[in-house]
Full PDB file with SEQRES, HELIX, SHEET, SSBOND, CRYST1, ORIGX, SCALE, CONECT and MASTER records, all heavy atoms in Angstrom:
SEQRES   1 A   41  TRP ALA ARG GLY GLU ASN LEU ASP ILE VAL PHE ASN MET          
SEQRES   2 A   41  VAL ARG PHE THR ASP PRO MET LEU GLY ASN SER ASP LEU          
SEQRES   3 A   41  ALA ASP SER CYS LYS PRO VAL GLY ALA GLU GLU GLU GLN          
SEQRES   4 A   41  MET ARG                                                      
HELIX    1 AA1 ASP A   18  LEU A   21  1                                   4    
HELIX    2 AA2 SER A   24  LEU A   26  5                                   3    
HELIX    3 AA3 ALA A   27  CYS A   30  1                                   4    
HELIX    4 AA4 ALA A   35  MET A   40  1                                   6    
CRYST1    1.000    1.000    1.000  90.00  90.00  90.00 P 1           1          
ORIGX1      1.000000  0.000000  0.000000        0.00000                         
ORIGX2      0.000000  1.000000  0.000000        0.00000                         
ORIGX3      0.000000  0.000000  1.000000        0.00000                         
SCALE1      1.000000  0.000000  0.000000        0.00000                         
SCALE2      0.000000  1.000000  0.000000        0.00000                         
SCALE3      0.000000  0.000000  1.000000        0.00000                         
ATOM      1  N   TRP A   1     -40.135   7.177  32.603  1.00  0.00           N  
ATOM      2  CA  TRP A   1     -39.725   8.496  32.113  1.00  0.00           C  
ATOM      3  C   TRP A   1     -38.672   8.371  31.012  1.00  0.00           C  
ATOM      4  O   TRP A   1     -38.760   9.040  29.974  1.00  0.00           O  
ATOM      5  CB  TRP A   1     -39.174   9.338  33.267  1.00  0.00           C  
ATOM      6  CG  TRP A   1     -38.618  10.652  32.812  1.00  0.00           C  
ATOM      7  CD1 TRP A   1     -39.312  11.790  32.529  1.00  0.00           C  
ATOM      8  CD2 TRP A   1     -37.236  10.949  32.556  1.00  0.00           C  
ATOM      9  NE1 TRP A   1     -38.458  12.778  32.119  1.00  0.00           N  
ATOM     10  CE2 TRP A   1     -37.183  12.287  32.130  1.00  0.00           C  
ATOM     11  CE3 TRP A   1     -36.057  10.216  32.656  1.00  0.00           C  
ATOM     12  CZ2 TRP A   1     -35.977  12.914  31.803  1.00  0.00           C  
ATOM     13  CZ3 TRP A   1     -34.861  10.830  32.323  1.00  0.00           C  
ATOM     14  CH2 TRP A   1     -34.824  12.159  31.899  1.00  0.00           C  
ATOM     15  N   ALA A   2     -37.672   7.503  31.219  1.00  0.00           N  
ATOM     16  CA  ALA A   2     -36.614   7.323  30.227  1.00  0.00           C  
ATOM     17  C   ALA A   2     -37.181   6.820  28.902  1.00  0.00           C  
ATOM     18  O   ALA A   2     -36.796   7.296  27.826  1.00  0.00           O  
ATOM     19  CB  ALA A   2     -35.553   6.361  30.754  1.00  0.00           C  
ATOM     20  N   ARG A   3     -38.084   5.864  28.976  1.00  0.00           N  
ATOM     21  CA  ARG A   3     -38.680   5.343  27.747  1.00  0.00           C  
ATOM     22  C   ARG A   3     -39.499   6.418  27.039  1.00  0.00           C  
ATOM     23  O   ARG A   3     -39.489   6.519  25.809  1.00  0.00           O  
ATOM     24  CB  ARG A   3     -39.541   4.128  28.073  1.00  0.00           C  
ATOM     25  CG  ARG A   3     -38.724   2.888  28.425  1.00  0.00           C  
ATOM     26  CD  ARG A   3     -39.594   1.734  28.897  1.00  0.00           C  
ATOM     27  NE  ARG A   3     -38.806   0.500  29.036  1.00  0.00           N  
ATOM     28  CZ  ARG A   3     -39.248  -0.595  29.625  1.00  0.00           C  
ATOM     29  NH1 ARG A   3     -40.478  -0.618  30.139  1.00  0.00           N  
ATOM     30  NH2 ARG A   3     -38.488  -1.671  29.715  1.00  0.00           N  
ATOM     31  N   GLY A   4     -40.193   7.235  27.827  1.00  0.00           N  
ATOM     32  CA  GLY A   4     -40.971   8.310  27.236  1.00  0.00           C  
ATOM     33  C   GLY A   4     -40.109   9.354  26.553  1.00  0.00           C  
ATOM     34  O   GLY A   4     -40.543   9.997  25.590  1.00  0.00           O  
ATOM     35  N   GLU A   5     -38.877   9.530  27.043  1.00  0.00           N  
ATOM     36  CA  GLU A   5     -37.938  10.477  26.462  1.00  0.00           C  
ATOM     37  C   GLU A   5     -37.022   9.828  25.427  1.00  0.00           C  
ATOM     38  O   GLU A   5     -36.096  10.476  24.923  1.00  0.00           O  
ATOM     39  CB  GLU A   5     -37.074  11.104  27.565  1.00  0.00           C  
ATOM     40  CG  GLU A   5     -37.853  11.919  28.589  1.00  0.00           C  
ATOM     41  CD  GLU A   5     -38.495  13.152  27.986  1.00  0.00           C  
ATOM     42  OE1 GLU A   5     -37.860  13.779  27.107  1.00  0.00           O  
ATOM     43  OE2 GLU A   5     -39.628  13.502  28.384  1.00  0.00           O  
ATOM     44  N   ASN A   6     -37.284   8.543  25.110  1.00  0.00           N  
ATOM     45  CA  ASN A   6     -36.473   7.797  24.133  1.00  0.00           C  
ATOM     46  C   ASN A   6     -35.003   7.761  24.542  1.00  0.00           C  
ATOM     47  O   ASN A   6     -34.103   7.944  23.721  1.00  0.00           O  
ATOM     48  CB  ASN A   6     -36.623   8.398  22.732  1.00  0.00           C  
ATOM     49  CG  ASN A   6     -36.131   7.452  21.645  1.00  0.00           C  
ATOM     50  OD1 ASN A   6     -36.191   6.231  21.784  1.00  0.00           O  
ATOM     51  ND2 ASN A   6     -35.637   8.015  20.554  1.00  0.00           N  
ATOM     52  N   LEU A   7     -34.783   7.481  25.821  1.00  0.00           N  
ATOM     53  CA  LEU A   7     -33.426   7.438  26.365  1.00  0.00           C  
ATOM     54  C   LEU A   7     -33.052   6.007  26.745  1.00  0.00           C  
ATOM     55  O   LEU A   7     -33.810   5.322  27.432  1.00  0.00           O  
ATOM     56  CB  LEU A   7     -33.327   8.317  27.616  1.00  0.00           C  
ATOM     57  CG  LEU A   7     -33.261   9.822  27.411  1.00  0.00           C  
ATOM     58  CD1 LEU A   7     -33.501  10.543  28.727  1.00  0.00           C  
ATOM     59  CD2 LEU A   7     -31.897  10.221  26.831  1.00  0.00           C  
ATOM     60  N   ASP A   8     -31.885   5.582  26.306  1.00  0.00           N  
ATOM     61  CA  ASP A   8     -31.335   4.314  26.778  1.00  0.00           C  
ATOM     62  C   ASP A   8     -30.960   4.486  28.251  1.00  0.00           C  
ATOM     63  O   ASP A   8     -30.388   5.511  28.643  1.00  0.00           O  
ATOM     64  CB  ASP A   8     -30.099   3.955  25.947  1.00  0.00           C  
ATOM     65  CG  ASP A   8     -29.527   2.603  26.328  1.00  0.00           C  
ATOM     66  OD1 ASP A   8     -30.289   1.630  26.351  1.00  0.00           O  
ATOM     67  OD2 ASP A   8     -28.311   2.526  26.609  1.00  0.00           O  
ATOM     68  N   ILE A   9     -31.300   3.514  29.081  1.00  0.00           N  
ATOM     69  CA  ILE A   9     -31.049   3.641  30.517  1.00  0.00           C  
ATOM     70  C   ILE A   9     -30.342   2.413  31.061  1.00  0.00           C  
ATOM     71  O   ILE A   9     -30.630   1.280  30.657  1.00  0.00           O  
ATOM     72  CB  ILE A   9     -32.371   3.884  31.296  1.00  0.00           C  
ATOM     73  CG1 ILE A   9     -32.096   4.090  32.790  1.00  0.00           C  
ATOM     74  CG2 ILE A   9     -33.376   2.760  31.064  1.00  0.00           C  
ATOM     75  CD1 ILE A   9     -33.296   4.584  33.578  1.00  0.00           C  
ATOM     76  N   VAL A  10     -29.404   2.656  31.958  1.00  0.00           N  
ATOM     77  CA  VAL A  10     -28.678   1.605  32.667  1.00  0.00           C  
ATOM     78  C   VAL A  10     -28.931   1.784  34.160  1.00  0.00           C  
ATOM     79  O   VAL A  10     -28.781   2.888  34.695  1.00  0.00           O  
ATOM     80  CB  VAL A  10     -27.163   1.690  32.392  1.00  0.00           C  
ATOM     81  CG1 VAL A  10     -26.406   0.756  33.329  1.00  0.00           C  
ATOM     82  CG2 VAL A  10     -26.855   1.353  30.956  1.00  0.00           C  
ATOM     83  N   PHE A  11     -29.334   0.711  34.823  1.00  0.00           N  
ATOM     84  CA  PHE A  11     -29.517   0.740  36.276  1.00  0.00           C  
ATOM     85  C   PHE A  11     -28.326   0.076  36.953  1.00  0.00           C  
ATOM     86  O   PHE A  11     -27.891  -1.006  36.555  1.00  0.00           O  
ATOM     87  CB  PHE A  11     -30.801   0.001  36.672  1.00  0.00           C  
ATOM     88  CG  PHE A  11     -32.059   0.721  36.314  1.00  0.00           C  
ATOM     89  CD1 PHE A  11     -32.740   0.409  35.144  1.00  0.00           C  
ATOM     90  CD2 PHE A  11     -32.562   1.720  37.132  1.00  0.00           C  
ATOM     91  CE1 PHE A  11     -33.913   1.069  34.807  1.00  0.00           C  
ATOM     92  CE2 PHE A  11     -33.730   2.387  36.804  1.00  0.00           C  
ATOM     93  CZ  PHE A  11     -34.414   2.062  35.640  1.00  0.00           C  
ATOM     94  N   ASN A  12     -27.810   0.735  37.973  1.00  0.00           N  
ATOM     95  CA  ASN A  12     -26.739   0.178  38.780  1.00  0.00           C  
ATOM     96  C   ASN A  12     -27.226  -0.022  40.209  1.00  0.00           C  
ATOM     97  O   ASN A  12     -28.002   0.786  40.732  1.00  0.00           O  
ATOM     98  CB  ASN A  12     -25.518   1.101  38.789  1.00  0.00           C  
ATOM     99  CG  ASN A  12     -24.836   1.153  37.448  1.00  0.00           C  
ATOM    100  OD1 ASN A  12     -24.472   0.123  36.894  1.00  0.00           O  
ATOM    101  ND2 ASN A  12     -24.682   2.354  36.895  1.00  0.00           N  
ATOM    102  N   MET A  13     -26.770  -1.085  40.825  1.00  0.00           N  
ATOM    103  CA  MET A  13     -27.098  -1.350  42.228  1.00  0.00           C  
ATOM    104  C   MET A  13     -26.039  -0.696  43.111  1.00  0.00           C  
ATOM    105  O   MET A  13     -24.839  -0.794  42.844  1.00  0.00           O  
ATOM    106  CB  MET A  13     -27.123  -2.860  42.464  1.00  0.00           C  
ATOM    107  CG  MET A  13     -27.498  -3.270  43.868  1.00  0.00           C  
ATOM    108  SD  MET A  13     -27.635  -5.080  43.980  1.00  0.00           S  
ATOM    109  CE  MET A  13     -27.747  -5.286  45.762  1.00  0.00           C  
ATOM    110  N   VAL A  14     -26.479   0.020  44.131  1.00  0.00           N  
ATOM    111  CA  VAL A  14     -25.539   0.706  45.006  1.00  0.00           C  
ATOM    112  C   VAL A  14     -24.518  -0.278  45.575  1.00  0.00           C  
ATOM    113  O   VAL A  14     -24.845  -1.423  45.896  1.00  0.00           O  
ATOM    114  CB  VAL A  14     -26.286   1.435  46.145  1.00  0.00           C  
ATOM    115  CG1 VAL A  14     -26.930   0.447  47.109  1.00  0.00           C  
ATOM    116  CG2 VAL A  14     -25.351   2.385  46.883  1.00  0.00           C  
ATOM    117  N   ARG A  15     -23.288   0.141  45.667  1.00  0.00           N  
ATOM    118  CA  ARG A  15     -22.248  -0.673  46.278  1.00  0.00           C  
ATOM    119  C   ARG A  15     -21.337   0.240  47.090  1.00  0.00           C  
ATOM    120  O   ARG A  15     -21.318   1.459  46.887  1.00  0.00           O  
ATOM    121  CB  ARG A  15     -21.453  -1.460  45.229  1.00  0.00           C  
ATOM    122  CG  ARG A  15     -20.751  -0.622  44.191  1.00  0.00           C  
ATOM    123  CD  ARG A  15     -20.282  -1.507  43.037  1.00  0.00           C  
ATOM    124  NE  ARG A  15     -19.374  -0.822  42.131  1.00  0.00           N  
ATOM    125  CZ  ARG A  15     -19.766  -0.060  41.127  1.00  0.00           C  
ATOM    126  NH1 ARG A  15     -21.041   0.133  40.897  1.00  0.00           N  
ATOM    127  NH2 ARG A  15     -18.867   0.519  40.343  1.00  0.00           N  
ATOM    128  N   PHE A  16     -20.572  -0.352  47.970  1.00  0.00           N  
ATOM    129  CA  PHE A  16     -19.814   0.425  48.934  1.00  0.00           C  
ATOM    130  C   PHE A  16     -18.353   0.001  48.875  1.00  0.00           C  
ATOM    131  O   PHE A  16     -18.004  -1.125  49.218  1.00  0.00           O  
ATOM    132  CB  PHE A  16     -20.407   0.241  50.331  1.00  0.00           C  
ATOM    133  CG  PHE A  16     -21.880   0.566  50.374  1.00  0.00           C  
ATOM    134  CD1 PHE A  16     -22.829  -0.442  50.257  1.00  0.00           C  
ATOM    135  CD2 PHE A  16     -22.307   1.878  50.473  1.00  0.00           C  
ATOM    136  CE1 PHE A  16     -24.179  -0.146  50.257  1.00  0.00           C  
ATOM    137  CE2 PHE A  16     -23.655   2.183  50.469  1.00  0.00           C  
ATOM    138  CZ  PHE A  16     -24.602   1.175  50.358  1.00  0.00           C  
ATOM    139  N   THR A  17     -17.513   0.919  48.426  1.00  0.00           N  
ATOM    140  CA  THR A  17     -16.092   0.625  48.254  1.00  0.00           C  
ATOM    141  C   THR A  17     -15.293   1.908  48.426  1.00  0.00           C  
ATOM    142  O   THR A  17     -15.505   2.883  47.695  1.00  0.00           O  
ATOM    143  CB  THR A  17     -15.822   0.009  46.867  1.00  0.00           C  
ATOM    144  OG1 THR A  17     -14.431   0.134  46.557  1.00  0.00           O  
ATOM    145  CG2 THR A  17     -16.625   0.693  45.772  1.00  0.00           C  
ATOM    146  N   ASP A  18     -14.373   1.916  49.351  1.00  0.00           N  
ATOM    147  CA  ASP A  18     -13.583   3.119  49.589  1.00  0.00           C  
ATOM    148  C   ASP A  18     -12.611   3.444  48.453  1.00  0.00           C  
ATOM    149  O   ASP A  18     -12.491   4.614  48.078  1.00  0.00           O  
ATOM    150  CB  ASP A  18     -12.833   2.990  50.912  1.00  0.00           C  
ATOM    151  CG  ASP A  18     -13.750   3.280  52.099  1.00  0.00           C  
ATOM    152  OD1 ASP A  18     -14.770   3.976  51.905  1.00  0.00           O  
ATOM    153  OD2 ASP A  18     -13.455   2.811  53.210  1.00  0.00           O  
ATOM    154  N   PRO A  19     -11.883   2.465  47.884  1.00  0.00           N  
ATOM    155  CA  PRO A  19     -10.966   2.819  46.801  1.00  0.00           C  
ATOM    156  C   PRO A  19     -11.659   3.499  45.614  1.00  0.00           C  
ATOM    157  O   PRO A  19     -11.082   4.384  44.987  1.00  0.00           O  
ATOM    158  CB  PRO A  19     -10.372   1.469  46.394  1.00  0.00           C  
ATOM    159  CG  PRO A  19     -10.453   0.640  47.622  1.00  0.00           C  
ATOM    160  CD  PRO A  19     -11.739   1.047  48.277  1.00  0.00           C  
ATOM    161  N   MET A  20     -12.895   3.106  45.316  1.00  0.00           N  
ATOM    162  CA  MET A  20     -13.598   3.615  44.146  1.00  0.00           C  
ATOM    163  C   MET A  20     -14.521   4.792  44.477  1.00  0.00           C  
ATOM    164  O   MET A  20     -14.536   5.803  43.775  1.00  0.00           O  
ATOM    165  CB  MET A  20     -14.429   2.485  43.528  1.00  0.00           C  
ATOM    166  CG  MET A  20     -15.164   2.876  42.259  1.00  0.00           C  
ATOM    167  SD  MET A  20     -14.124   2.694  40.822  1.00  0.00           S  
ATOM    168  CE  MET A  20     -15.373   2.624  39.532  1.00  0.00           C  
ATOM    169  N   LEU A  21     -15.296   4.683  45.550  1.00  0.00           N  
ATOM    170  CA  LEU A  21     -16.339   5.661  45.837  1.00  0.00           C  
ATOM    171  C   LEU A  21     -16.192   6.345  47.196  1.00  0.00           C  
ATOM    172  O   LEU A  21     -16.926   7.286  47.489  1.00  0.00           O  
ATOM    173  CB  LEU A  21     -17.719   4.986  45.773  1.00  0.00           C  
ATOM    174  CG  LEU A  21     -18.069   4.322  44.432  1.00  0.00           C  
ATOM    175  CD1 LEU A  21     -19.343   3.492  44.574  1.00  0.00           C  
ATOM    176  CD2 LEU A  21     -18.233   5.369  43.336  1.00  0.00           C  
ATOM    177  N   GLY A  22     -15.286   5.840  48.024  1.00  0.00           N  
ATOM    178  CA  GLY A  22     -15.075   6.444  49.336  1.00  0.00           C  
ATOM    179  C   GLY A  22     -16.310   6.436  50.218  1.00  0.00           C  
ATOM    180  O   GLY A  22     -16.497   7.333  51.045  1.00  0.00           O  
ATOM    181  N   ASN A  23     -17.160   5.397  50.076  1.00  0.00           N  
ATOM    182  CA  ASN A  23     -18.485   5.458  50.706  1.00  0.00           C  
ATOM    183  C   ASN A  23     -18.832   4.301  51.637  1.00  0.00           C  
ATOM    184  O   ASN A  23     -20.009   4.049  51.893  1.00  0.00           O  
ATOM    185  CB  ASN A  23     -19.552   5.551  49.618  1.00  0.00           C  
ATOM    186  CG  ASN A  23     -19.661   4.270  48.779  1.00  0.00           C  
ATOM    187  OD1 ASN A  23     -18.772   3.428  48.790  1.00  0.00           O  
ATOM    188  ND2 ASN A  23     -20.765   4.145  48.054  1.00  0.00           N  
ATOM    189  N   SER A  24     -17.854   3.576  52.133  1.00  0.00           N  
ATOM    190  CA  SER A  24     -18.180   2.425  52.976  1.00  0.00           C  
ATOM    191  C   SER A  24     -18.950   2.831  54.224  1.00  0.00           C  
ATOM    192  O   SER A  24     -19.727   2.036  54.775  1.00  0.00           O  
ATOM    193  CB  SER A  24     -16.901   1.669  53.369  1.00  0.00           C  
ATOM    194  OG  SER A  24     -16.054   2.491  54.157  1.00  0.00           O  
ATOM    195  N   ASP A  25     -18.783   4.082  54.664  1.00  0.00           N  
ATOM    196  CA  ASP A  25     -19.482   4.545  55.860  1.00  0.00           C  
ATOM    197  C   ASP A  25     -20.962   4.825  55.606  1.00  0.00           C  
ATOM    198  O   ASP A  25     -21.707   5.096  56.559  1.00  0.00           O  
ATOM    199  CB  ASP A  25     -18.809   5.809  56.390  1.00  0.00           C  
ATOM    200  CG  ASP A  25     -18.832   6.951  55.389  1.00  0.00           C  
ATOM    201  OD1 ASP A  25     -18.659   6.679  54.183  1.00  0.00           O  
ATOM    202  OD2 ASP A  25     -19.017   8.110  55.798  1.00  0.00           O  
ATOM    203  N   LEU A  26     -21.408   4.735  54.345  1.00  0.00           N  
ATOM    204  CA  LEU A  26     -22.803   5.026  54.015  1.00  0.00           C  
ATOM    205  C   LEU A  26     -23.668   3.768  53.903  1.00  0.00           C  
ATOM    206  O   LEU A  26     -24.868   3.865  53.630  1.00  0.00           O  
ATOM    207  CB  LEU A  26     -22.877   5.791  52.683  1.00  0.00           C  
ATOM    208  CG  LEU A  26     -22.152   7.137  52.635  1.00  0.00           C  
ATOM    209  CD1 LEU A  26     -22.278   7.751  51.245  1.00  0.00           C  
ATOM    210  CD2 LEU A  26     -22.693   8.086  53.685  1.00  0.00           C  
ATOM    211  N   ALA A  27     -23.076   2.596  54.104  1.00  0.00           N  
ATOM    212  CA  ALA A  27     -23.808   1.347  53.901  1.00  0.00           C  
ATOM    213  C   ALA A  27     -25.051   1.260  54.784  1.00  0.00           C  
ATOM    214  O   ALA A  27     -26.125   0.851  54.329  1.00  0.00           O  
ATOM    215  CB  ALA A  27     -22.892   0.149  54.146  1.00  0.00           C  
ATOM    216  N   ASP A  28     -24.944   1.650  56.037  1.00  0.00           N  
ATOM    217  CA  ASP A  28     -26.082   1.515  56.953  1.00  0.00           C  
ATOM    218  C   ASP A  28     -27.276   2.363  56.520  1.00  0.00           C  
ATOM    219  O   ASP A  28     -28.431   1.972  56.725  1.00  0.00           O  
ATOM    220  CB  ASP A  28     -25.665   1.900  58.379  1.00  0.00           C  
ATOM    221  CG  ASP A  28     -24.740   0.878  59.010  1.00  0.00           C  
ATOM    222  OD1 ASP A  28     -24.677  -0.257  58.504  1.00  0.00           O  
ATOM    223  OD2 ASP A  28     -24.066   1.221  60.006  1.00  0.00           O  
ATOM    224  N   SER A  29     -27.014   3.521  55.919  1.00  0.00           N  
ATOM    225  CA  SER A  29     -28.105   4.423  55.562  1.00  0.00           C  
ATOM    226  C   SER A  29     -28.616   4.228  54.137  1.00  0.00           C  
ATOM    227  O   SER A  29     -29.741   4.637  53.828  1.00  0.00           O  
ATOM    228  CB  SER A  29     -27.656   5.884  55.723  1.00  0.00           C  
ATOM    229  OG  SER A  29     -26.543   6.163  54.876  1.00  0.00           O  
ATOM    230  N   CYS A  30     -27.835   3.592  53.267  1.00  0.00           N  
ATOM    231  CA  CYS A  30     -28.194   3.526  51.846  1.00  0.00           C  
ATOM    232  C   CYS A  30     -28.505   2.123  51.320  1.00  0.00           C  
ATOM    233  O   CYS A  30     -29.160   1.985  50.286  1.00  0.00           O  
ATOM    234  CB  CYS A  30     -27.070   4.112  50.991  1.00  0.00           C  
ATOM    235  SG  CYS A  30     -26.817   5.883  51.213  1.00  0.00           S  
ATOM    236  N   LYS A  31     -28.038   1.082  51.994  1.00  0.00           N  
ATOM    237  CA  LYS A  31     -28.199  -0.265  51.459  1.00  0.00           C  
ATOM    238  C   LYS A  31     -29.597  -0.806  51.719  1.00  0.00           C  
ATOM    239  O   LYS A  31     -30.052  -0.830  52.864  1.00  0.00           O  
ATOM    240  CB  LYS A  31     -27.173  -1.208  52.086  1.00  0.00           C  
ATOM    241  CG  LYS A  31     -27.235  -2.625  51.521  1.00  0.00           C  
ATOM    242  CD  LYS A  31     -26.197  -3.528  52.163  1.00  0.00           C  
ATOM    243  CE  LYS A  31     -26.287  -4.942  51.604  1.00  0.00           C  
ATOM    244  NZ  LYS A  31     -25.296  -5.853  52.222  1.00  0.00           N  
ATOM    245  N   PRO A  32     -30.303  -1.250  50.665  1.00  0.00           N  
ATOM    246  CA  PRO A  32     -31.606  -1.889  50.877  1.00  0.00           C  
ATOM    247  C   PRO A  32     -31.436  -3.204  51.636  1.00  0.00           C  
ATOM    248  O   PRO A  32     -30.505  -3.974  51.364  1.00  0.00           O  
ATOM    249  CB  PRO A  32     -32.110  -2.147  49.451  1.00  0.00           C  
ATOM    250  CG  PRO A  32     -31.339  -1.213  48.589  1.00  0.00           C  
ATOM    251  CD  PRO A  32     -29.992  -1.093  49.242  1.00  0.00           C  
ATOM    252  N   VAL A  33     -32.319  -3.469  52.572  1.00  0.00           N  
ATOM    253  CA  VAL A  33     -32.264  -4.705  53.347  1.00  0.00           C  
ATOM    254  C   VAL A  33     -33.664  -5.301  53.438  1.00  0.00           C  
ATOM    255  O   VAL A  33     -34.675  -4.611  53.247  1.00  0.00           O  
ATOM    256  CB  VAL A  33     -31.699  -4.463  54.768  1.00  0.00           C  
ATOM    257  CG1 VAL A  33     -30.251  -4.021  54.711  1.00  0.00           C  
ATOM    258  CG2 VAL A  33     -32.539  -3.428  55.523  1.00  0.00           C  
ATOM    259  N   GLY A  34     -33.720  -6.594  53.724  1.00  0.00           N  
ATOM    260  CA  GLY A  34     -35.002  -7.260  53.935  1.00  0.00           C  
ATOM    261  C   GLY A  34     -35.894  -7.188  52.713  1.00  0.00           C  
ATOM    262  O   GLY A  34     -35.503  -7.549  51.597  1.00  0.00           O  
ATOM    263  N   ALA A  35     -37.110  -6.685  52.899  1.00  0.00           N  
ATOM    264  CA  ALA A  35     -38.084  -6.602  51.813  1.00  0.00           C  
ATOM    265  C   ALA A  35     -37.600  -5.698  50.685  1.00  0.00           C  
ATOM    266  O   ALA A  35     -37.878  -5.948  49.508  1.00  0.00           O  
ATOM    267  CB  ALA A  35     -39.424  -6.098  52.355  1.00  0.00           C  
ATOM    268  N   GLU A  36     -36.872  -4.646  51.021  1.00  0.00           N  
ATOM    269  CA  GLU A  36     -36.337  -3.746  49.992  1.00  0.00           C  
ATOM    270  C   GLU A  36     -35.345  -4.479  49.089  1.00  0.00           C  
ATOM    271  O   GLU A  36     -35.331  -4.276  47.869  1.00  0.00           O  
ATOM    272  CB  GLU A  36     -35.645  -2.556  50.635  1.00  0.00           C  
ATOM    273  CG  GLU A  36     -36.584  -1.530  51.242  1.00  0.00           C  
ATOM    274  CD  GLU A  36     -35.842  -0.323  51.750  1.00  0.00           C  
ATOM    275  OE1 GLU A  36     -34.615  -0.433  52.023  1.00  0.00           O  
ATOM    276  OE2 GLU A  36     -36.464   0.741  51.881  1.00  0.00           O  
ATOM    277  N   GLU A  37     -34.530  -5.324  49.681  1.00  0.00           N  
ATOM    278  CA  GLU A  37     -33.549  -6.076  48.910  1.00  0.00           C  
ATOM    279  C   GLU A  37     -34.240  -7.023  47.937  1.00  0.00           C  
ATOM    280  O   GLU A  37     -33.839  -7.139  46.771  1.00  0.00           O  
ATOM    281  CB  GLU A  37     -32.645  -6.852  49.860  1.00  0.00           C  
ATOM    282  CG  GLU A  37     -31.357  -7.346  49.238  1.00  0.00           C  
ATOM    283  CD  GLU A  37     -30.437  -7.952  50.268  1.00  0.00           C  
ATOM    284  OE1 GLU A  37     -30.924  -8.671  51.171  1.00  0.00           O  
ATOM    285  OE2 GLU A  37     -29.227  -7.733  50.170  1.00  0.00           O  
ATOM    286  N   GLU A  38     -35.305  -7.692  48.379  1.00  0.00           N  
ATOM    287  CA  GLU A  38     -36.053  -8.578  47.493  1.00  0.00           C  
ATOM    288  C   GLU A  38     -36.760  -7.769  46.402  1.00  0.00           C  
ATOM    289  O   GLU A  38     -36.848  -8.216  45.250  1.00  0.00           O  
ATOM    290  CB  GLU A  38     -37.070  -9.384  48.301  1.00  0.00           C  
ATOM    291  CG  GLU A  38     -37.972 -10.277  47.454  1.00  0.00           C  
ATOM    292  CD  GLU A  38     -37.221 -11.298  46.618  1.00  0.00           C  
ATOM    293  OE1 GLU A  38     -36.047 -11.619  46.942  1.00  0.00           O  
ATOM    294  OE2 GLU A  38     -37.810 -11.794  45.631  1.00  0.00           O  
ATOM    295  N   GLN A  39     -37.250  -6.605  46.743  1.00  0.00           N  
ATOM    296  CA  GLN A  39     -37.867  -5.721  45.750  1.00  0.00           C  
ATOM    297  C   GLN A  39     -36.855  -5.362  44.659  1.00  0.00           C  
ATOM    298  O   GLN A  39     -37.183  -5.340  43.470  1.00  0.00           O  
ATOM    299  CB  GLN A  39     -38.377  -4.454  46.438  1.00  0.00           C  
ATOM    300  CG  GLN A  39     -39.027  -3.439  45.501  1.00  0.00           C  
ATOM    301  CD  GLN A  39     -39.442  -2.169  46.247  1.00  0.00           C  
ATOM    302  OE1 GLN A  39     -39.500  -2.149  47.483  1.00  0.00           O  
ATOM    303  NE2 GLN A  39     -39.732  -1.119  45.512  1.00  0.00           N  
ATOM    304  N   MET A  40     -35.621  -5.098  45.070  1.00  0.00           N  
ATOM    305  CA  MET A  40     -34.577  -4.770  44.109  1.00  0.00           C  
ATOM    306  C   MET A  40     -34.254  -5.975  43.227  1.00  0.00           C  
ATOM    307  O   MET A  40     -34.095  -5.847  42.008  1.00  0.00           O  
ATOM    308  CB  MET A  40     -33.314  -4.295  44.841  1.00  0.00           C  
ATOM    309  CG  MET A  40     -32.179  -3.903  43.910  1.00  0.00           C  
ATOM    310  SD  MET A  40     -30.732  -3.283  44.799  1.00  0.00           S  
ATOM    311  CE  MET A  40     -31.296  -1.659  45.285  1.00  0.00           C  
ATOM    312  N   ARG A  41     -34.180  -7.160  43.834  1.00  0.00           N  
ATOM    313  CA  ARG A  41     -33.897  -8.368  43.050  1.00  0.00           C  
ATOM    314  C   ARG A  41     -34.974  -8.578  41.983  1.00  0.00           C  
ATOM    315  O   ARG A  41     -34.656  -8.881  40.825  1.00  0.00           O  
ATOM    316  CB  ARG A  41     -33.816  -9.585  43.965  1.00  0.00           C  
ATOM    317  CG  ARG A  41     -33.343 -10.862  43.249  1.00  0.00           C  
ATOM    318  CD  ARG A  41     -33.329 -12.053  44.193  1.00  0.00           C  
ATOM    319  NE  ARG A  41     -34.663 -12.576  44.422  1.00  0.00           N  
ATOM    320  CZ  ARG A  41     -35.250 -13.496  43.644  1.00  0.00           C  
ATOM    321  NH1 ARG A  41     -34.615 -13.983  42.581  1.00  0.00           N  
ATOM    322  NH2 ARG A  41     -36.459 -13.928  43.929  1.00  0.00           N  
TER     323      ARG A  41                                                      
MASTER        0    0    0    4    0    0    0    6  322    1    0    4          
END                                                                             
């Protein structure tokens, strides 16, 4: 979609840090694991 709209795109990998995002409690529900993690790699 981004390429079709001629948009520069940056992908970020989710991370969990309270000082920056206050989200360490979301790791269990949001972090890719197993096959999903390899898919992301």
